Amino acid sequence: MHEIDELREQIEHLIESGKLTDVHPPAQHIAIIAKRLPELAKKSGISQEQWKGINTQSRDLANMFDEIDEAADAGKKPETEAAFARIVKLIDSLKAHAKHAEGTKDDSNR
């Protein structure tokens, strides 16, 4: 999640400075990471219910790439900001899931 936070900050700075066309690489990188999160979460030993939440939100986050990319490439700052706001909400939600999952891992293997 640390890498996603760094990429989120990078996107925020690019939007603030009006460099919308530069949003593509960090947004794409977030999408790539998001696609791997369910696999990593499953390997961590979390419950099936927690995994389902992470899986859904990770998929939603990965799917946001097209929306922010299209808006940024078109130079539409308000739409880019709106897509970014949705991305931030999903990242925050995933972080909360990860934190909760970390505290409630299945300890039966210890």
C-alpha atoms as a PDB file:
ATOM      1  CA  MET A   1       0.000   0.000   0.000  1.00  0.00           C
ATOM      2  CA  HIS A   2       2.991   2.270   0.541  1.00  0.00           C
ATOM      3  CA  GLU A   3       3.750   2.316  -3.181  1.00  0.00           C
ATOM      4  CA  ILE A   4       0.129   3.116  -4.003  1.00  0.00           C
ATOM      5  CA  ASP A   5       0.279   6.036  -1.541  1.00  0.00           C
ATOM      6  CA  GLU A   6       3.374   7.391  -3.269  1.00  0.00           C
ATOM      7  CA  LEU A   7       1.730   7.094  -6.682  1.00  0.00           C
ATOM      8  CA  ARG A   8      -1.418   8.776  -5.348  1.00  0.00           C
ATOM      9  CA  GLU A   9       0.677  11.703  -4.135  1.00  0.00           C
ATOM     10  CA  GLN A  10       2.411  11.894  -7.501  1.00  0.00           C
ATOM     11  CA  ILE A  11      -0.942  12.054  -9.317  1.00  0.00           C
ATOM     12  CA  GLU A  12      -2.178  14.719  -6.900  1.00  0.00           C
ATOM     13  CA  HIS A  13       0.862  16.905  -7.613  1.00  0.00           C
ATOM     14  CA  LEU A  14       0.539  16.408 -11.373  1.00  0.00           C
ATOM     15  CA  ILE A  15      -3.115  17.462 -11.300  1.00  0.00           C
ATOM     16  CA  GLU A  16      -2.367  20.472  -9.086  1.00  0.00           C
ATOM     17  CA  SER A  17       0.383  21.617 -11.442  1.00  0.00           C
ATOM     18  CA  GLY A  18      -1.790  21.129 -14.537  1.00  0.00           C
ATOM     19  CA  LYS A  19       0.350  18.316 -15.975  1.00  0.00           C
ATOM     20  CA  LEU A  20      -2.667  16.172 -16.782  1.00  0.00           C
ATOM     21  CA  THR A  21      -1.070  14.200 -19.605  1.00  0.00           C
ATOM     22  CA  ASP A  22       1.591  12.989 -17.143  1.00  0.00           C
ATOM     23  CA  VAL A  23      -1.053  11.299 -14.980  1.00  0.00           C
ATOM     24  CA  HIS A  24      -1.057   8.186 -17.204  1.00  0.00           C
ATOM     25  CA  PRO A  25       2.060   6.352 -15.890  1.00  0.00           C
ATOM     26  CA  PRO A  26       1.350   6.561 -12.139  1.00  0.00           C
ATOM     27  CA  ALA A  27      -2.363   5.829 -12.678  1.00  0.00           C
ATOM     28  CA  GLN A  28      -1.489   2.804 -14.784  1.00  0.00           C
ATOM     29  CA  HIS A  29       0.937   1.614 -12.126  1.00  0.00           C
ATOM     30  CA  ILE A  30      -1.806   1.857  -9.477  1.00  0.00           C
ATOM     31  CA  ALA A  31      -4.087  -0.223 -11.710  1.00  0.00           C
ATOM     32  CA  ILE A  32      -1.389  -2.891 -12.099  1.00  0.00           C
ATOM     33  CA  ILE A  33      -0.827  -3.065  -8.341  1.00  0.00           C
ATOM     34  CA  ALA A  34      -4.582  -3.103  -7.668  1.00  0.00           C
ATOM     35  CA  LYS A  35      -4.994  -6.123  -9.937  1.00  0.00           C
ATOM     36  CA  ARG A  36      -2.464  -8.043  -7.813  1.00  0.00           C
ATOM     37  CA  LEU A  37      -3.874  -7.082  -4.405  1.00  0.00           C
ATOM     38  CA  PRO A  38      -6.512  -9.858  -4.188  1.00  0.00           C
ATOM     39  CA  GLU A  39      -3.866 -12.516  -4.838  1.00  0.00           C
ATOM     40  CA  LEU A  40      -1.554 -11.024  -2.231  1.00  0.00           C
ATOM     41  CA  ALA A  41      -4.401 -10.663   0.261  1.00  0.00           C
ATOM     42  CA  LYS A  42      -5.426 -14.286  -0.178  1.00  0.00           C
ATOM     43  CA  LYS A  43      -1.856 -15.443   0.477  1.00  0.00           C
ATOM     44  CA  SER A  44      -1.767 -13.392   3.674  1.00  0.00           C
ATOM     45  CA  GLY A  45      -4.246 -15.672   5.409  1.00  0.00           C
ATOM     46  CA  ILE A  46      -7.169 -13.268   5.791  1.00  0.00           C
ATOM     47  CA  SER A  47     -10.740 -14.495   6.027  1.00  0.00           C
ATOM     48  CA  GLN A  48     -12.834 -15.113   2.919  1.00  0.00           C
ATOM     49  CA  GLU A  49     -15.135 -12.230   3.865  1.00  0.00           C
ATOM     50  CA  GLN A  50     -12.238  -9.795   4.172  1.00  0.00           C
ATOM     51  CA  TRP A  51     -10.806 -11.070   0.909  1.00  0.00           C
ATOM     52  CA  LYS A  52     -14.106 -10.419  -0.874  1.00  0.00           C
ATOM     53  CA  GLY A  53     -14.046  -6.766   0.205  1.00  0.00           C
ATOM     54  CA  ILE A  54     -10.454  -6.325  -0.885  1.00  0.00           C
ATOM     55  CA  ASN A  55     -11.159  -8.108  -4.164  1.00  0.00           C
ATOM     56  CA  THR A  56     -14.120  -5.862  -5.003  1.00  0.00           C
ATOM     57  CA  GLN A  57     -12.383  -2.631  -4.089  1.00  0.00           C
ATOM     58  CA  SER A  58      -9.166  -3.624  -5.857  1.00  0.00           C
ATOM     59  CA  ARG A  59     -11.124  -4.352  -9.024  1.00  0.00           C
ATOM     60  CA  ASP A  60     -12.922  -1.006  -8.728  1.00  0.00           C
ATOM     61  CA  LEU A  61      -9.604   0.784  -8.235  1.00  0.00           C
ATOM     62  CA  ALA A  62      -8.019  -0.917 -11.252  1.00  0.00           C
ATOM     63  CA  ASN A  63     -11.060  -0.014 -13.346  1.00  0.00           C
ATOM     64  CA  MET A  64     -10.639   3.676 -12.490  1.00  0.00           C
ATOM     65  CA  PHE A  65      -7.549   3.848 -14.713  1.00  0.00           C
ATOM     66  CA  ASP A  66      -9.524   4.329 -17.928  1.00  0.00           C
ATOM     67  CA  GLU A  67     -11.664   7.073 -16.423  1.00  0.00           C
ATOM     68  CA  ILE A  68      -8.812   9.178 -15.082  1.00  0.00           C
ATOM     69  CA  ASP A  69      -6.653   8.511 -18.135  1.00  0.00           C
ATOM     70  CA  GLU A  70      -9.340   9.596 -20.603  1.00  0.00           C
ATOM     71  CA  ALA A  71     -10.152  12.747 -18.623  1.00  0.00           C
ATOM     72  CA  ALA A  72      -6.486  13.675 -18.187  1.00  0.00           C
ATOM     73  CA  ASP A  73      -5.602  12.987 -21.839  1.00  0.00           C
ATOM     74  CA  ALA A  74      -8.505  15.211 -22.897  1.00  0.00           C
ATOM     75  CA  GLY A  75      -7.199  17.997 -20.654  1.00  0.00           C
ATOM     76  CA  LYS A  76     -10.385  18.013 -18.574  1.00  0.00           C
ATOM     77  CA  LYS A  77      -9.146  19.038 -15.154  1.00  0.00           C
ATOM     78  CA  PRO A  78     -12.517  18.909 -13.317  1.00  0.00           C
ATOM     79  CA  GLU A  79     -13.200  15.378 -14.602  1.00  0.00           C
ATOM     80  CA  THR A  80      -9.648  14.325 -13.763  1.00  0.00           C
ATOM     81  CA  GLU A  81     -10.051  15.708 -10.247  1.00  0.00           C
ATOM     82  CA  ALA A  82     -13.378  13.893  -9.827  1.00  0.00           C
ATOM     83  CA  ALA A  83     -11.884  10.579 -10.959  1.00  0.00           C
ATOM     84  CA  PHE A  84      -8.910  11.166  -8.678  1.00  0.00           C
ATOM     85  CA  ALA A  85     -11.241  11.803  -5.726  1.00  0.00           C
ATOM     86  CA  ARG A  86     -12.895   8.413  -6.359  1.00  0.00           C
ATOM     87  CA  ILE A  87      -9.455   6.783  -6.561  1.00  0.00           C
ATOM     88  CA  VAL A  88      -8.462   8.323  -3.223  1.00  0.00           C
ATOM     89  CA  LYS A  89     -11.660   7.010  -1.592  1.00  0.00           C
ATOM     90  CA  LEU A  90     -10.959   3.506  -2.894  1.00  0.00           C
ATOM     91  CA  ILE A  91      -7.336   3.643  -1.726  1.00  0.00           C
ATOM     92  CA  ASP A  92      -8.434   4.812   1.733  1.00  0.00           C
ATOM     93  CA  SER A  93     -11.004   2.040   1.911  1.00  0.00           C
ATOM     94  CA  LEU A  94      -8.455  -0.569   0.842  1.00  0.00           C
ATOM     95  CA  LYS A  95      -6.027   0.704   3.470  1.00  0.00           C
ATOM     96  CA  ALA A  96      -8.736   0.342   6.125  1.00  0.00           C
ATOM     97  CA  HIS A  97      -9.457  -3.213   4.926  1.00  0.00           C
ATOM     98  CA  ALA A  98      -5.764  -4.065   4.971  1.00  0.00           C
ATOM     99  CA  LYS A  99      -5.329  -2.656   8.466  1.00  0.00           C
ATOM    100  CA  HIS A 100      -8.384  -4.548   9.722  1.00  0.00           C
ATOM    101  CA  ALA A 101      -7.258  -7.741   7.993  1.00  0.00           C
ATOM    102  CA  GLU A 102      -3.786  -7.446   9.508  1.00  0.00           C
ATOM    103  CA  GLY A 103      -5.322  -7.372  12.967  1.00  0.00           C
ATOM    104  CA  THR A 104      -7.634 -10.333  12.360  1.00  0.00           C
ATOM    105  CA  LYS A 105      -5.561 -12.836  10.395  1.00  0.00           C
ATOM    106  CA  ASP A 106      -6.290 -16.497  10.929  1.00  0.00           C
ATOM    107  CA  ASP A 107      -3.878 -17.476  13.716  1.00  0.00           C
ATOM    108  CA  SER A 108      -4.607 -21.217  13.472  1.00  0.00           C
ATOM    109  CA  ASN A 109      -1.295 -21.838  11.698  1.00  0.00           C
ATOM    110  CA  ARG A 110       0.780 -20.502  14.621  1.00  0.00           C
END
